[in-house]
Amino acid sequence: MEEKYSELFYAHNAITPNGDGVNDFLAFEGLESYPKNRLNIFNKWGVKVYSKFNYKNNWSGKDMQGNDLPAGEYYYVLEVEGDPIKSILFIVRE
């Protein structure tokens, strides 16, 4: 499938959820124009640790129960109108 939305959205490949207001959330510029989306986050073993329909740029490195995920490497799949956008993501904690 051609990834027609992959060039519309930009997100940093790391978040630092420490409350300083800089890169605290995984945010995709322009996503607010596409409310019918789904974000899935997977750990490095492929286990889904977070999923949200109608994602609103507010994931701060927590699992589906609200617990902080450990620092490390993760992967996301953002689906916009059925088109997947995939990338690596790092959580950096001090």
Protein backbone atom coordinates (compact mmCIF):
# COMPACT_ATOMS: atom_id res chain seq x y z
CA MET A 1 0.00 0.00 0.00
CA GLU A 2 1.30 3.42 -0.90
CA GLU A 3 1.84 5.60 2.16
CA LYS A 4 0.10 8.72 0.93
CA TYR A 5 0.02 10.43 4.33
CA SER A 6 3.57 9.69 5.44
CA GLU A 7 4.88 12.99 4.09
CA LEU A 8 2.06 15.06 5.61
CA PHE A 9 2.98 14.38 9.23
CA TYR A 10 6.19 15.07 11.04
CA ALA A 11 7.05 13.79 14.51
CA HIS A 12 10.28 13.78 16.46
CA ASN A 13 11.68 10.28 16.94
CA ALA A 14 12.21 10.78 20.68
CA ILE A 15 10.16 11.99 23.60
CA THR A 16 11.47 13.16 26.96
CA PRO A 17 8.39 13.08 29.22
CA ASN A 18 9.84 15.00 32.14
CA GLY A 19 7.32 17.84 32.38
CA ASP A 20 9.57 20.60 31.03
CA GLY A 21 7.23 21.31 28.10
CA VAL A 22 9.76 20.21 25.46
CA ASN A 23 9.12 16.89 23.65
CA ASP A 24 6.96 15.64 26.51
CA PHE A 25 4.46 14.13 24.04
CA LEU A 26 4.56 12.27 20.75
CA ALA A 27 3.08 14.93 18.47
CA PHE A 28 2.38 14.83 14.75
CA GLU A 29 2.11 18.24 13.13
CA GLY A 30 -1.15 18.52 11.18
CA LEU A 31 -2.82 15.48 12.75
CA GLU A 32 -5.69 17.56 14.13
CA SER A 33 -7.08 17.75 10.58
CA TYR A 34 -7.48 13.94 10.53
CA PRO A 35 -9.45 12.92 13.63
CA LYS A 36 -10.18 9.40 12.35
CA ASN A 37 -6.76 8.02 13.14
CA ARG A 38 -5.28 5.32 15.35
CA LEU A 39 -1.93 5.28 17.10
CA ASN A 40 -0.35 2.00 18.18
CA ILE A 41 2.93 1.84 20.12
CA PHE A 42 4.94 -1.38 20.33
CA ASN A 43 7.96 -2.27 22.42
CA LYS A 44 11.11 -3.70 20.83
CA TRP A 45 9.68 -7.23 21.10
CA GLY A 46 6.56 -6.28 19.14
CA VAL A 47 4.20 -6.22 22.11
CA LYS A 48 1.55 -3.50 21.86
CA VAL A 49 1.93 -1.22 24.87
CA TYR A 50 -0.44 1.59 23.85
CA SER A 51 -3.32 2.07 21.44
CA LYS A 52 -5.62 5.02 20.91
CA PHE A 53 -8.33 5.75 18.34
CA ASN A 54 -8.66 9.45 17.51
CA TYR A 55 -5.19 10.19 18.88
CA LYS A 56 -4.74 13.82 19.97
CA ASN A 57 -0.95 14.27 20.26
CA ASN A 58 -1.00 13.50 23.97
CA TRP A 59 0.96 10.26 24.49
CA SER A 60 3.66 10.80 27.11
CA GLY A 61 5.33 7.41 27.31
CA LYS A 62 2.73 5.59 29.41
CA ASP A 63 1.24 2.14 28.84
CA MET A 64 -2.50 1.48 28.48
CA GLN A 65 -2.84 1.31 32.29
CA GLY A 66 -1.19 4.71 32.77
CA ASN A 67 2.17 3.41 34.01
CA ASP A 68 5.42 4.98 32.83
CA LEU A 69 7.15 2.84 30.22
CA PRO A 70 10.89 2.38 30.69
CA ALA A 71 13.36 4.38 28.65
CA GLY A 72 14.25 2.66 25.42
CA GLU A 73 13.32 1.86 21.86
CA TYR A 74 9.73 1.61 20.68
CA TYR A 75 7.90 1.63 17.35
CA TYR A 76 4.74 3.40 16.35
CA VAL A 77 2.16 2.84 13.67
CA LEU A 78 -0.08 5.82 13.01
CA GLU A 79 -3.01 4.89 10.78
CA VAL A 80 -4.68 7.76 8.97
CA GLU A 81 -7.68 6.77 6.86
CA GLY A 82 -6.28 3.23 6.68
CA ASP A 83 -2.81 4.35 5.57
CA PRO A 84 -0.07 3.26 8.02
CA ILE A 85 2.84 5.51 8.93
CA LYS A 86 5.56 3.57 10.77
CA SER A 87 8.70 4.68 12.54
CA ILE A 88 11.02 4.07 15.45
CA LEU A 89 10.64 6.07 18.63
CA PHE A 90 12.78 6.49 21.72
CA ILE A 91 11.66 7.31 25.23
CA VAL A 92 14.41 9.16 27.07
CA ARG A 93 14.12 9.47 30.83
CA GLU A 94 16.58 11.15 33.16
